[in-house]
Amino acid sequence: MLRLLLAVAFAGGALILPVSASSTPGLPELTAKVTARSISLTTSQGQPVDRLRSNTYRFIVKDLTSKQNFHLVGPTLNRRTRVPAKVTTSWTIYLRPGTYTYRSDRRPGLSTTFTVEPGPPPA
């Protein structure tokens, strides 16, 4: 039986569970992509994220450049990839209601916000 190590971190109430993608089936998935000149966050249908419902999401972060990073900040949340690293990783994060910003720490112009509304996602 495959044993999983769950590292649970509380950042003022934001629950972050770094786990393998196969261990969290059924979670809504968001894909973050960082290149030298752009940063984006899209739904599994490829739509840009501008509004979500409070829920647990699996973030697939594809940081494809050593020049930028992906930094997600919101209510009780502050999570990032490192600037010099090229990495693809998975984060499982509960998003609370509020305004979130994803950005590059190296280039202030690469920044976008989205809103998380209270309540379960629509059926």
PDB file of N, CA and C in Angstrom:
ATOM      1  N   MET A   1       0.844  -1.177   0.000  1.00  0.00           N
ATOM      2  CA  MET A   1       0.000   0.000   0.000  1.00  0.00           C
ATOM      3  C   MET A   1       0.888   1.239   0.000  1.00  0.00           C
ATOM      4  N   LEU A   2       0.537   2.163  -0.864  1.00  0.00           N
ATOM      5  CA  LEU A   2       1.305   3.405  -0.965  1.00  0.00           C
ATOM      6  C   LEU A   2       1.027   4.286   0.239  1.00  0.00           C
ATOM      7  N   ARG A   3       2.102   4.701   0.895  1.00  0.00           N
ATOM      8  CA  ARG A   3       1.942   5.561   2.073  1.00  0.00           C
ATOM      9  C   ARG A   3       2.181   6.994   1.657  1.00  0.00           C
ATOM     10  N   LEU A   4       1.278   7.884   2.080  1.00  0.00           N
ATOM     11  CA  LEU A   4       1.402   9.304   1.749  1.00  0.00           C
ATOM     12  C   LEU A   4       1.767  10.097   2.987  1.00  0.00           C
ATOM     13  N   LEU A   5       2.639  11.017   2.800  1.00  0.00           N
ATOM     14  CA  LEU A   5       2.999  11.906   3.876  1.00  0.00           C
ATOM     15  C   LEU A   5       2.242  13.205   3.657  1.00  0.00           C
ATOM     16  N   LEU A   6       1.351  13.538   4.584  1.00  0.00           N
ATOM     17  CA  LEU A   6       0.581  14.772   4.485  1.00  0.00           C
ATOM     18  C   LEU A   6       1.244  15.825   5.358  1.00  0.00           C
ATOM     19  N   ALA A   7       1.706  16.857   4.727  1.00  0.00           N
ATOM     20  CA  ALA A   7       2.282  17.967   5.482  1.00  0.00           C
ATOM     21  C   ALA A   7       1.198  19.029   5.574  1.00  0.00           C
ATOM     22  N   VAL A   8       0.676  19.226   6.756  1.00  0.00           N
ATOM     23  CA  VAL A   8      -0.410  20.175   6.945  1.00  0.00           C
ATOM     24  C   VAL A   8       0.178  21.453   7.518  1.00  0.00           C
ATOM     25  N   ALA A   9      -0.039  22.542   6.830  1.00  0.00           N
ATOM     26  CA  ALA A   9       0.481  23.821   7.290  1.00  0.00           C
ATOM     27  C   ALA A   9      -0.672  24.794   7.447  1.00  0.00           C
ATOM     28  N   PHE A  10      -0.725  25.453   8.571  1.00  0.00           N
ATOM     29  CA  PHE A  10      -1.732  26.477   8.788  1.00  0.00           C
ATOM     30  C   PHE A  10      -1.046  27.822   8.681  1.00  0.00           C
ATOM     31  N   ALA A  11      -1.509  28.622   7.753  1.00  0.00           N
ATOM     32  CA  ALA A  11      -0.993  29.976   7.596  1.00  0.00           C
ATOM     33  C   ALA A  11      -2.116  30.915   8.028  1.00  0.00           C
ATOM     34  N   GLY A  12      -2.322  31.006   9.308  1.00  0.00           N
ATOM     35  CA  GLY A  12      -3.388  31.850   9.826  1.00  0.00           C
ATOM     36  C   GLY A  12      -4.762  31.324   9.467  1.00  0.00           C
ATOM     37  N   GLY A  13      -4.895  30.042   9.242  1.00  0.00           N
ATOM     38  CA  GLY A  13      -6.198  29.468   8.945  1.00  0.00           C
ATOM     39  C   GLY A  13      -6.312  28.899   7.550  1.00  0.00           C
ATOM     40  N   ALA A  14      -5.393  29.233   6.652  1.00  0.00           N
ATOM     41  CA  ALA A  14      -5.443  28.671   5.304  1.00  0.00           C
ATOM     42  C   ALA A  14      -4.830  27.288   5.349  1.00  0.00           C
ATOM     43  N   LEU A  15      -5.560  26.324   4.915  1.00  0.00           N
ATOM     44  CA  LEU A  15      -5.083  24.952   4.957  1.00  0.00           C
ATOM     45  C   LEU A  15      -4.392  24.622   3.652  1.00  0.00           C
ATOM     46  N   ILE A  16      -3.138  24.208   3.728  1.00  0.00           N
ATOM     47  CA  ILE A  16      -2.356  23.870   2.550  1.00  0.00           C
ATOM     48  C   ILE A  16      -1.884  22.443   2.719  1.00  0.00           C
ATOM     49  N   LEU A  17      -2.292  21.580   1.806  1.00  0.00           N
ATOM     50  CA  LEU A  17      -1.922  20.177   1.882  1.00  0.00           C
ATOM     51  C   LEU A  17      -1.148  19.788   0.635  1.00  0.00           C
ATOM     52  N   PRO A  18       0.179  19.733   0.669  1.00  0.00           N
ATOM     53  CA  PRO A  18       0.911  19.282  -0.504  1.00  0.00           C
ATOM     54  C   PRO A  18       0.823  17.760  -0.598  1.00  0.00           C
ATOM     55  N   VAL A  19       0.087  17.275  -1.555  1.00  0.00           N
ATOM     56  CA  VAL A  19      -0.098  15.843  -1.743  1.00  0.00           C
ATOM     57  C   VAL A  19       0.011  15.523  -3.218  1.00  0.00           C
ATOM     58  N   SER A  20       0.151  14.254  -3.528  1.00  0.00           N
ATOM     59  CA  SER A  20       0.259  13.868  -4.928  1.00  0.00           C
ATOM     60  C   SER A  20      -1.078  14.052  -5.620  1.00  0.00           C
ATOM     61  N   ALA A  21      -1.036  14.317  -6.917  1.00  0.00           N
ATOM     62  CA  ALA A  21      -2.246  14.580  -7.683  1.00  0.00           C
ATOM     63  C   ALA A  21      -3.220  13.413  -7.610  1.00  0.00           C
ATOM     64  N   SER A  22      -2.734  12.196  -7.558  1.00  0.00           N
ATOM     65  CA  SER A  22      -3.617  11.037  -7.558  1.00  0.00           C
ATOM     66  C   SER A  22      -4.316  10.827  -6.221  1.00  0.00           C
ATOM     67  N   SER A  23      -3.875  11.517  -5.162  1.00  0.00           N
ATOM     68  CA  SER A  23      -4.473  11.306  -3.850  1.00  0.00           C
ATOM     69  C   SER A  23      -5.663  12.213  -3.578  1.00  0.00           C
ATOM     70  N   THR A  24      -5.968  13.133  -4.485  1.00  0.00           N
ATOM     71  CA  THR A  24      -7.072  14.053  -4.262  1.00  0.00           C
ATOM     72  C   THR A  24      -8.017  14.083  -5.468  1.00  0.00           C
ATOM     73  N   PRO A  25      -8.610  12.922  -5.816  1.00  0.00           N
ATOM     74  CA  PRO A  25      -9.495  12.898  -6.973  1.00  0.00           C
ATOM     75  C   PRO A  25     -10.760  13.710  -6.704  1.00  0.00           C
ATOM     76  N   GLY A  26     -11.298  14.301  -7.749  1.00  0.00           N
ATOM     77  CA  GLY A  26     -12.556  15.013  -7.637  1.00  0.00           C
ATOM     78  C   GLY A  26     -12.441  16.466  -7.235  1.00  0.00           C
ATOM     79  N   LEU A  27     -11.253  16.945  -6.880  1.00  0.00           N
ATOM     80  CA  LEU A  27     -11.107  18.353  -6.537  1.00  0.00           C
ATOM     81  C   LEU A  27     -11.124  19.194  -7.808  1.00  0.00           C
ATOM     82  N   PRO A  28     -11.746  20.376  -7.746  1.00  0.00           N
ATOM     83  CA  PRO A  28     -11.648  21.278  -8.895  1.00  0.00           C
ATOM     84  C   PRO A  28     -10.179  21.643  -9.110  1.00  0.00           C
ATOM     85  N   GLU A  29      -9.772  21.661 -10.359  1.00  0.00           N
ATOM     86  CA  GLU A  29      -8.362  21.889 -10.678  1.00  0.00           C
ATOM     87  C   GLU A  29      -8.184  23.232 -11.368  1.00  0.00           C
ATOM     88  N   LEU A  30      -7.167  23.964 -10.937  1.00  0.00           N
ATOM     89  CA  LEU A  30      -6.782  25.231 -11.541  1.00  0.00           C
ATOM     90  C   LEU A  30      -5.341  25.099 -11.996  1.00  0.00           C
ATOM     91  N   THR A  31      -5.017  25.666 -13.146  1.00  0.00           N
ATOM     92  CA  THR A  31      -3.659  25.578 -13.674  1.00  0.00           C
ATOM     93  C   THR A  31      -3.037  26.963 -13.736  1.00  0.00           C
ATOM     94  N   ALA A  32      -1.913  27.108 -13.056  1.00  0.00           N
ATOM     95  CA  ALA A  32      -1.129  28.336 -13.102  1.00  0.00           C
ATOM     96  C   ALA A  32       0.041  28.095 -14.044  1.00  0.00           C
ATOM     97  N   LYS A  33       0.266  29.053 -14.927  1.00  0.00           N
ATOM     98  CA  LYS A  33       1.376  28.925 -15.877  1.00  0.00           C
ATOM     99  C   LYS A  33       2.178  30.227 -15.847  1.00  0.00           C
ATOM    100  N   VAL A  34       3.483  30.078 -15.678  1.00  0.00           N
ATOM    101  CA  VAL A  34       4.378  31.230 -15.623  1.00  0.00           C
ATOM    102  C   VAL A  34       5.431  31.083 -16.707  1.00  0.00           C
ATOM    103  N   THR A  35       5.547  32.097 -17.549  1.00  0.00           N
ATOM    104  CA  THR A  35       6.618  32.160 -18.537  1.00  0.00           C
ATOM    105  C   THR A  35       7.424  33.424 -18.251  1.00  0.00           C
ATOM    106  N   ALA A  36       8.432  33.678 -19.050  1.00  0.00           N
ATOM    107  CA  ALA A  36       9.264  34.864 -18.841  1.00  0.00           C
ATOM    108  C   ALA A  36       8.467  36.151 -19.010  1.00  0.00           C
ATOM    109  N   ARG A  37       7.369  36.101 -19.769  1.00  0.00           N
ATOM    110  CA  ARG A  37       6.608  37.324 -20.062  1.00  0.00           C
ATOM    111  C   ARG A  37       5.142  37.293 -19.648  1.00  0.00           C
ATOM    112  N   SER A  38       4.678  36.175 -19.089  1.00  0.00           N
ATOM    113  CA  SER A  38       3.258  36.116 -18.736  1.00  0.00           C
ATOM    114  C   SER A  38       3.016  35.225 -17.524  1.00  0.00           C
ATOM    115  N   ILE A  39       1.849  35.442 -16.926  1.00  0.00           N
ATOM    116  CA  ILE A  39       1.411  34.625 -15.809  1.00  0.00           C
ATOM    117  C   ILE A  39      -0.099  34.464 -15.953  1.00  0.00           C
ATOM    118  N   SER A  40      -0.588  33.238 -15.746  1.00  0.00           N
ATOM    119  CA  SER A  40      -2.020  33.011 -15.912  1.00  0.00           C
ATOM    120  C   SER A  40      -2.512  31.974 -14.925  1.00  0.00           C
ATOM    121  N   LEU A  41      -3.820  31.999 -14.686  1.00  0.00           N
ATOM    122  CA  LEU A  41      -4.492  31.008 -13.859  1.00  0.00           C
ATOM    123  C   LEU A  41      -5.790  30.670 -14.567  1.00  0.00           C
ATOM    124  N   THR A  42      -5.964  29.384 -14.912  1.00  0.00           N
ATOM    125  CA  THR A  42      -7.136  28.970 -15.680  1.00  0.00           C
ATOM    126  C   THR A  42      -7.832  27.783 -15.014  1.00  0.00           C
ATOM    127  N   THR A  43      -9.107  27.631 -15.366  1.00  0.00           N
ATOM    128  CA  THR A  43      -9.888  26.490 -14.895  1.00  0.00           C
ATOM    129  C   THR A  43      -9.517  25.263 -15.713  1.00  0.00           C
ATOM    130  N   SER A  44     -10.061  24.120 -15.346  1.00  0.00           N
ATOM    131  CA  SER A  44      -9.788  22.895 -16.111  1.00  0.00           C
ATOM    132  C   SER A  44     -10.368  22.976 -17.516  1.00  0.00           C
ATOM    133  N   GLN A  45     -11.307  23.900 -17.752  1.00  0.00           N
ATOM    134  CA  GLN A  45     -11.858  24.111 -19.102  1.00  0.00           C
ATOM    135  C   GLN A  45     -11.061  25.151 -19.890  1.00  0.00           C
ATOM    136  N   GLY A  46      -9.982  25.676 -19.287  1.00  0.00           N
ATOM    137  CA  GLY A  46      -9.129  26.638 -19.982  1.00  0.00           C
ATOM    138  C   GLY A  46      -9.587  28.081 -19.873  1.00  0.00           C
ATOM    139  N   GLN A  47     -10.584  28.362 -19.040  1.00  0.00           N
ATOM    140  CA  GLN A  47     -11.079  29.726 -18.866  1.00  0.00           C
ATOM    141  C   GLN A  47     -10.259  30.471 -17.820  1.00  0.00           C
ATOM    142  N   PRO A  48      -9.962  31.752 -18.057  1.00  0.00           N
ATOM    143  CA  PRO A  48      -9.242  32.524 -17.039  1.00  0.00           C
ATOM    144  C   PRO A  48     -10.064  32.609 -15.749  1.00  0.00           C
ATOM    145  N   VAL A  49      -9.384  32.531 -14.619  1.00  0.00           N
ATOM    146  CA  VAL A  49     -10.060  32.607 -13.326  1.00  0.00           C
ATOM    147  C   VAL A  49     -10.259  34.075 -12.966  1.00  0.00           C
ATOM    148  N   ASP A  50     -11.517  34.465 -12.724  1.00  0.00           N
ATOM    149  CA  ASP A  50     -11.796  35.802 -12.213  1.00  0.00           C
ATOM    150  C   ASP A  50     -12.730  35.755 -11.007  1.00  0.00           C
ATOM    151  N   ARG A  51     -13.467  34.634 -10.854  1.00  0.00           N
ATOM    152  CA  ARG A  51     -14.386  34.477  -9.732  1.00  0.00           C
ATOM    153  C   ARG A  51     -14.548  32.995  -9.433  1.00  0.00           C
ATOM    154  N   LEU A  52     -14.425  32.636  -8.157  1.00  0.00           N
ATOM    155  CA  LEU A  52     -14.594  31.248  -7.713  1.00  0.00           C
ATOM    156  C   LEU A  52     -15.485  31.229  -6.488  1.00  0.00           C
ATOM    157  N   ARG A  53     -15.942  30.042  -6.128  1.00  0.00           N
ATOM    158  CA  ARG A  53     -16.664  29.830  -4.873  1.00  0.00           C
ATOM    159  C   ARG A  53     -15.683  29.285  -3.839  1.00  0.00           C
ATOM    160  N   SER A  54     -15.922  29.596  -2.594  1.00  0.00           N
ATOM    161  CA  SER A  54     -15.105  29.078  -1.509  1.00  0.00           C
ATOM    162  C   SER A  54     -15.108  27.554  -1.571  1.00  0.00           C
ATOM    163  N   ASN A  55     -13.921  26.962  -1.622  1.00  0.00           N
ATOM    164  CA  ASN A  55     -13.803  25.517  -1.792  1.00  0.00           C
ATOM    165  C   ASN A  55     -12.326  25.125  -1.699  1.00  0.00           C
ATOM    166  N   THR A  56     -12.067  23.837  -1.689  1.00  0.00           N
ATOM    167  CA  THR A  56     -10.707  23.314  -1.784  1.00  0.00           C
ATOM    168  C   THR A  56     -10.411  23.070  -3.261  1.00  0.00           C
ATOM    169  N   TYR A  57      -9.271  23.558  -3.718  1.00  0.00           N
ATOM    170  CA  TYR A  57      -8.868  23.441  -5.123  1.00  0.00           C
ATOM    171  C   TYR A  57      -7.490  22.804  -5.207  1.00  0.00           C
ATOM    172  N   ARG A  58      -7.255  22.096  -6.290  1.00  0.00           N
ATOM    173  CA  ARG A  58      -5.912  21.609  -6.600  1.00  0.00           C
ATOM    174  C   ARG A  58      -5.315  22.573  -7.620  1.00  0.00           C
ATOM    175  N   PHE A  59      -4.220  23.214  -7.250  1.00  0.00           N
ATOM    176  CA  PHE A  59      -3.487  24.117  -8.134  1.00  0.00           C
ATOM    177  C   PHE A  59      -2.355  23.332  -8.760  1.00  0.00           C
ATOM    178  N   ILE A  60      -2.320  23.267 -10.077  1.00  0.00           N
ATOM    179  CA  ILE A  60      -1.180  22.719 -10.798  1.00  0.00           C
ATOM    180  C   ILE A  60      -0.367  23.934 -11.242  1.00  0.00           C
ATOM    181  N   VAL A  61       0.797  24.103 -10.651  1.00  0.00           N
ATOM    182  CA  VAL A  61       1.630  25.275 -10.924  1.00  0.00           C
ATOM    183  C   VAL A  61       2.753  24.866 -11.862  1.00  0.00           C
ATOM    184  N   LYS A  62       2.749  25.464 -13.048  1.00  0.00           N
ATOM    185  CA  LYS A  62       3.787  25.201 -14.052  1.00  0.00           C
ATOM    186  C   LYS A  62       4.629  26.460 -14.202  1.00  0.00           C
ATOM    187  N   ASP A  63       5.710  26.503 -13.446  1.00  0.00           N
ATOM    188  CA  ASP A  63       6.633  27.632 -13.489  1.00  0.00           C
ATOM    189  C   ASP A  63       7.716  27.271 -14.497  1.00  0.00           C
ATOM    190  N   LEU A  64       7.592  27.812 -15.704  1.00  0.00           N
ATOM    191  CA  LEU A  64       8.420  27.393 -16.830  1.00  0.00           C
ATOM    192  C   LEU A  64       9.658  28.259 -17.047  1.00  0.00           C
ATOM    193  N   THR A  65       9.908  29.192 -16.140  1.00  0.00           N
ATOM    194  CA  THR A  65      11.030  30.101 -16.331  1.00  0.00           C
ATOM    195  C   THR A  65      11.798  30.310 -15.028  1.00  0.00           C
ATOM    196  N   SER A  66      13.076  30.579 -15.154  1.00  0.00           N
ATOM    197  CA  SER A  66      13.871  30.906 -13.970  1.00  0.00           C
ATOM    198  C   SER A  66      13.863  32.413 -13.715  1.00  0.00           C
ATOM    199  N   LYS A  67      13.169  33.187 -14.571  1.00  0.00           N
ATOM    200  CA  LYS A  67      13.150  34.643 -14.439  1.00  0.00           C
ATOM    201  C   LYS A  67      11.969  35.161 -13.618  1.00  0.00           C
ATOM    202  N   GLN A  68      10.909  34.381 -13.481  1.00  0.00           N
ATOM    203  CA  GLN A  68       9.709  34.805 -12.752  1.00  0.00           C
ATOM    204  C   GLN A  68       9.332  33.721 -11.747  1.00  0.00           C
ATOM    205  N   ASN A  69       8.264  33.978 -10.987  1.00  0.00           N
ATOM    206  CA  ASN A  69       7.721  32.961 -10.095  1.00  0.00           C
ATOM    207  C   ASN A  69       6.211  33.122 -10.020  1.00  0.00           C
ATOM    208  N   PHE A  70       5.533  32.177  -9.378  1.00  0.00           N
ATOM    209  CA  PHE A  70       4.092  32.259  -9.137  1.00  0.00           C
ATOM    210  C   PHE A  70       3.908  32.474  -7.653  1.00  0.00           C
ATOM    211  N   HIS A  71       3.256  33.592  -7.298  1.00  0.00           N
ATOM    212  CA  HIS A  71       3.049  33.959  -5.900  1.00  0.00           C
ATOM    213  C   HIS A  71       1.557  34.230  -5.725  1.00  0.00           C
ATOM    214  N   LEU A  72       0.905  33.425  -4.890  1.00  0.00           N
ATOM    215  CA  LEU A  72      -0.526  33.536  -4.623  1.00  0.00           C
ATOM    216  C   LEU A  72      -0.718  34.094  -3.213  1.00  0.00           C
ATOM    217  N   VAL A  73      -1.444  35.234  -3.129  1.00  0.00           N
ATOM    218  CA  VAL A  73      -1.671  35.910  -1.864  1.00  0.00           C
ATOM    219  C   VAL A  73      -3.165  36.181  -1.722  1.00  0.00           C
ATOM    220  N   GLY A  74      -3.695  35.920  -0.525  1.00  0.00           N
ATOM    221  CA  GLY A  74      -5.101  36.199  -0.249  1.00  0.00           C
ATOM    222  C   GLY A  74      -5.342  36.120   1.234  1.00  0.00           C
ATOM    223  N   PRO A  75      -6.622  36.111   1.636  1.00  0.00           N
ATOM    224  CA  PRO A  75      -6.933  36.037   3.058  1.00  0.00           C
ATOM    225  C   PRO A  75      -6.244  34.834   3.709  1.00  0.00           C
ATOM    226  N   THR A  76      -5.336  35.101   4.595  1.00  0.00           N
ATOM    227  CA  THR A  76      -4.559  34.107   5.348  1.00  0.00           C
ATOM    228  C   THR A  76      -3.736  33.176   4.458  1.00  0.00           C
ATOM    229  N   LEU A  77      -3.396  33.595   3.254  1.00  0.00           N
ATOM    230  CA  LEU A  77      -2.643  32.741   2.331  1.00  0.00           C
ATOM    231  C   LEU A  77      -1.483  33.512   1.716  1.00  0.00           C
ATOM    232  N   ASN A  78      -0.321  32.863   1.671  1.00  0.00           N
ATOM    233  CA  ASN A  78       0.862  33.445   1.042  1.00  0.00           C
ATOM    234  C   ASN A  78       1.726  32.272   0.588  1.00  0.00           C
ATOM    235  N   ARG A  79       1.584  31.891  -0.680  1.00  0.00           N
ATOM    236  CA  ARG A  79       2.272  30.690  -1.201  1.00  0.00           C
ATOM    237  C   ARG A  79       2.975  31.049  -2.503  1.00  0.00           C
ATOM    238  N   ARG A  80       4.205  30.567  -2.703  1.00  0.00           N
ATOM    239  CA  ARG A  80       4.959  30.936  -3.911  1.00  0.00           C
ATOM    240  C   ARG A  80       5.940  29.858  -4.334  1.00  0.00           C
ATOM    241  N   THR A  81       6.310  29.942  -5.613  1.00  0.00           N
ATOM    242  CA  THR A  81       7.447  29.177  -6.103  1.00  0.00           C
ATOM    243  C   THR A  81       8.665  30.095  -6.006  1.00  0.00           C
ATOM    244  N   ARG A  82       9.853  29.517  -6.073  1.00  0.00           N
ATOM    245  CA  ARG A  82      11.072  30.320  -6.000  1.00  0.00           C
ATOM    246  C   ARG A  82      11.393  30.896  -7.372  1.00  0.00           C
ATOM    247  N   VAL A  83      11.977  32.087  -7.382  1.00  0.00           N
ATOM    248  CA  VAL A  83      12.289  32.760  -8.643  1.00  0.00           C
ATOM    249  C   VAL A  83      13.286  31.978  -9.498  1.00  0.00           C
ATOM    250  N   PRO A  84      14.405  31.509  -9.001  1.00  0.00           N
ATOM    251  CA  PRO A  84      15.343  30.887  -9.930  1.00  0.00           C
ATOM    252  C   PRO A  84      14.959  29.474 -10.362  1.00  0.00           C
ATOM    253  N   ALA A  85      13.908  28.918  -9.778  1.00  0.00           N
ATOM    254  CA  ALA A  85      13.576  27.515 -10.055  1.00  0.00           C
ATOM    255  C   ALA A  85      12.537  27.386 -11.161  1.00  0.00           C
ATOM    256  N   LYS A  86      12.745  26.420 -12.028  1.00  0.00           N
ATOM    257  CA  LYS A  86      11.713  25.979 -12.970  1.00  0.00           C
ATOM    258  C   LYS A  86      11.098  24.745 -12.329  1.00  0.00           C
ATOM    259  N   VAL A  87       9.769  24.760 -12.129  1.00  0.00           N
ATOM    260  CA  VAL A  87       9.154  23.670 -11.383  1.00  0.00           C
ATOM    261  C   VAL A  87       7.706  23.472 -11.819  1.00  0.00           C
ATOM    262  N   THR A  88       7.265  22.234 -11.775  1.00  0.00           N
ATOM    263  CA  THR A  88       5.843  21.925 -11.877  1.00  0.00           C
ATOM    264  C   THR A  88       5.478  21.230 -10.584  1.00  0.00           C
ATOM    265  N   THR A  89       4.480  21.776  -9.900  1.00  0.00           N
ATOM    266  CA  THR A  89       4.102  21.263  -8.593  1.00  0.00           C
ATOM    267  C   THR A  89       2.592  21.308  -8.430  1.00  0.00           C
ATOM    268  N   SER A  90       2.107  20.636  -7.407  1.00  0.00           N
ATOM    269  CA  SER A  90       0.677  20.599  -7.113  1.00  0.00           C
ATOM    270  C   SER A  90       0.454  21.061  -5.685  1.00  0.00           C
ATOM    271  N   TRP A  91      -0.451  22.021  -5.520  1.00  0.00           N
ATOM    272  CA  TRP A  91      -0.835  22.505  -4.198  1.00  0.00           C
ATOM    273  C   TRP A  91      -2.314  22.235  -4.004  1.00  0.00           C
ATOM    274  N   THR A  92      -2.703  21.750  -2.847  1.00  0.00           N
ATOM    275  CA  THR A  92      -4.109  21.622  -2.505  1.00  0.00           C
ATOM    276  C   THR A  92      -4.401  22.685  -1.461  1.00  0.00           C
ATOM    277  N   ILE A  93      -5.280  23.637  -1.830  1.00  0.00           N
ATOM    278  CA  ILE A  93      -5.493  24.821  -0.998  1.00  0.00           C
ATOM    279  C   ILE A  93      -6.991  25.095  -0.846  1.00  0.00           C
ATOM    280  N   TYR A  94      -7.409  25.375   0.375  1.00  0.00           N
ATOM    281  CA  TYR A  94      -8.775  25.834   0.625  1.00  0.00           C
ATOM    282  C   TYR A  94      -8.792  27.348   0.455  1.00  0.00           C
ATOM    283  N   LEU A  95      -9.630  27.839  -0.462  1.00  0.00           N
ATOM    284  CA  LEU A  95      -9.759  29.271  -0.691  1.00  0.00           C
ATOM    285  C   LEU A  95     -10.960  29.800   0.080  1.00  0.00           C
ATOM    286  N   ARG A  96     -10.703  30.748   0.962  1.00  0.00           N
ATOM    287  CA  ARG A  96     -11.747  31.423   1.736  1.00  0.00           C
ATOM    288  C   ARG A  96     -12.325  32.572   0.911  1.00  0.00           C
ATOM    289  N   PRO A  97     -13.490  33.076   1.289  1.00  0.00           N
ATOM    290  CA  PRO A  97     -14.020  34.257   0.594  1.00  0.00           C
ATOM    291  C   PRO A  97     -13.060  35.441   0.727  1.00  0.00           C
ATOM    292  N   GLY A  98     -12.935  36.213  -0.360  1.00  0.00           N
ATOM    293  CA  GLY A  98     -12.077  37.397  -0.357  1.00  0.00           C
ATOM    294  C   GLY A  98     -11.446  37.620  -1.712  1.00  0.00           C
ATOM    295  N   THR A  99     -10.491  38.524  -1.739  1.00  0.00           N
ATOM    296  CA  THR A  99      -9.776  38.862  -2.966  1.00  0.00           C
ATOM    297  C   THR A  99      -8.381  38.251  -2.912  1.00  0.00           C
ATOM    298  N   TYR A 100      -8.004  37.595  -3.987  1.00  0.00           N
ATOM    299  CA  TYR A 100      -6.704  36.951  -4.108  1.00  0.00           C
ATOM    300  C   TYR A 100      -5.941  37.585  -5.259  1.00  0.00           C
ATOM    301  N   THR A 101      -4.632  37.607  -5.128  1.00  0.00           N
ATOM    302  CA  THR A 101      -3.763  38.116  -6.181  1.00  0.00           C
ATOM    303  C   THR A 101      -2.725  37.053  -6.493  1.00  0.00           C
ATOM    304  N   TYR A 102      -2.498  36.820  -7.782  1.00  0.00           N
ATOM    305  CA  TYR A 102      -1.351  36.005  -8.177  1.00  0.00           C
ATOM    306  C   TYR A 102      -0.444  36.898  -8.994  1.00  0.00           C
ATOM    307  N   ARG A 103       0.860  36.727  -8.757  1.00  0.00           N
ATOM    308  CA  ARG A 103       1.817  37.661  -9.347  1.00  0.00           C
ATOM    309  C   ARG A 103       3.192  37.028  -9.436  1.00  0.00           C
ATOM    310  N   SER A 104       4.079  37.769 -10.108  1.00  0.00           N
ATOM    311  CA  SER A 104       5.501  37.460 -10.098  1.00  0.00           C
ATOM    312  C   SER A 104       6.163  38.451  -9.156  1.00  0.00           C
ATOM    313  N   ASP A 105       7.059  37.967  -8.319  1.00  0.00           N
ATOM    314  CA  ASP A 105       7.774  38.863  -7.417  1.00  0.00           C
ATOM    315  C   ASP A 105       8.847  39.672  -8.131  1.00  0.00           C
ATOM    316  N   ARG A 106       9.282  39.200  -9.278  1.00  0.00           N
ATOM    317  CA  ARG A 106      10.334  39.884 -10.032  1.00  0.00           C
ATOM    318  C   ARG A 106       9.801  40.976 -10.955  1.00  0.00           C
ATOM    319  N   ARG A 107       8.545  40.856 -11.368  1.00  0.00           N
ATOM    320  CA  ARG A 107       8.000  41.796 -12.352  1.00  0.00           C
ATOM    321  C   ARG A 107       6.608  42.240 -11.895  1.00  0.00           C
ATOM    322  N   PRO A 108       6.499  43.415 -11.257  1.00  0.00           N
ATOM    323  CA  PRO A 108       5.233  43.870 -10.692  1.00  0.00           C
ATOM    324  C   PRO A 108       4.079  43.946 -11.708  1.00  0.00           C
ATOM    325  N   GLY A 109       4.390  44.137 -12.971  1.00  0.00           N
ATOM    326  CA  GLY A 109       3.344  44.198 -13.995  1.00  0.00           C
ATOM    327  C   GLY A 109       2.646  42.868 -14.227  1.00  0.00           C
ATOM    328  N   LEU A 110       3.267  41.768 -13.818  1.00  0.00           N
ATOM    329  CA  LEU A 110       2.641  40.451 -13.949  1.00  0.00           C
ATOM    330  C   LEU A 110       1.842  40.184 -12.682  1.00  0.00           C
ATOM    331  N   SER A 111       0.612  40.692 -12.668  1.00  0.00           N
ATOM    332  CA  SER A 111      -0.225  40.569 -11.481  1.00  0.00           C
ATOM    333  C   SER A 111      -1.690  40.600 -11.882  1.00  0.00           C
ATOM    334  N   THR A 112      -2.485  39.706 -11.302  1.00  0.00           N
ATOM    335  CA  THR A 112      -3.920  39.635 -11.589  1.00  0.00           C
ATOM    336  C   THR A 112      -4.644  39.277 -10.295  1.00  0.00           C
ATOM    337  N   THR A 113      -5.876  39.773 -10.151  1.00  0.00           N
ATOM    338  CA  THR A 113      -6.671  39.441  -8.975  1.00  0.00           C
ATOM    339  C   THR A 113      -7.905  38.647  -9.378  1.00  0.00           C
ATOM    340  N   PHE A 114      -8.425  37.887  -8.425  1.00  0.00           N
ATOM    341  CA  PHE A 114      -9.708  37.217  -8.591  1.00  0.00           C
ATOM    342  C   PHE A 114     -10.418  37.205  -7.254  1.00  0.00           C
ATOM    343  N   THR A 115     -11.729  36.972  -7.297  1.00  0.00           N
ATOM    344  CA  THR A 115     -12.561  37.015  -6.097  1.00  0.00           C
ATOM    345  C   THR A 115     -13.078  35.628  -5.775  1.00  0.00           C
ATOM    346  N   VAL A 116     -13.074  35.296  -4.490  1.00  0.00           N
ATOM    347  CA  VAL A 116     -13.676  34.057  -4.018  1.00  0.00           C
ATOM    348  C   VAL A 116     -14.907  34.444  -3.209  1.00  0.00           C
ATOM    349  N   GLU A 117     -16.059  33.911  -3.623  1.00  0.00           N
ATOM    350  CA  GLU A 117     -17.324  34.228  -2.975  1.00  0.00           C
ATOM    351  C   GLU A 117     -17.696  33.123  -1.993  1.00  0.00           C
ATOM    352  N   PRO A 118     -18.473  33.460  -0.956  1.00  0.00           N
ATOM    353  CA  PRO A 118     -18.874  32.432   0.003  1.00  0.00           C
ATOM    354  C   PRO A 118     -19.818  31.407  -0.628  1.00  0.00           C
ATOM    355  N   GLY A 119     -19.874  30.250  -0.019  1.00  0.00           N
ATOM    356  CA  GLY A 119     -20.826  29.242  -0.452  1.00  0.00           C
ATOM    357  C   GLY A 119     -20.199  28.160  -1.284  1.00  0.00           C
ATOM    358  N   PRO A 120     -20.897  27.040  -1.383  1.00  0.00           N
ATOM    359  CA  PRO A 120     -20.377  25.927  -2.168  1.00  0.00           C
ATOM    360  C   PRO A 120     -20.423  26.231  -3.662  1.00  0.00           C
ATOM    361  N   PRO A 121     -19.604  25.570  -4.445  1.00  0.00           N
ATOM    362  CA  PRO A 121     -19.638  25.772  -5.888  1.00  0.00           C
ATOM    363  C   PRO A 121     -20.991  25.351  -6.452  1.00  0.00           C
ATOM    364  N   PRO A 122     -21.407  25.971  -7.556  1.00  0.00           N
ATOM    365  CA  PRO A 122     -22.678  25.595  -8.165  1.00  0.00           C
ATOM    366  C   PRO A 122     -22.663  24.122  -8.582  1.00  0.00           C
ATOM    367  N   ALA A 123     -23.797  23.481  -8.476  1.00  0.00           N
ATOM    368  CA  ALA A 123     -23.908  22.047  -8.824  1.00  0.00           C
ATOM    369  C   ALA A 123     -23.904  21.836 -10.311  1.00  0.00           C
TER     370      ALA A 123
END
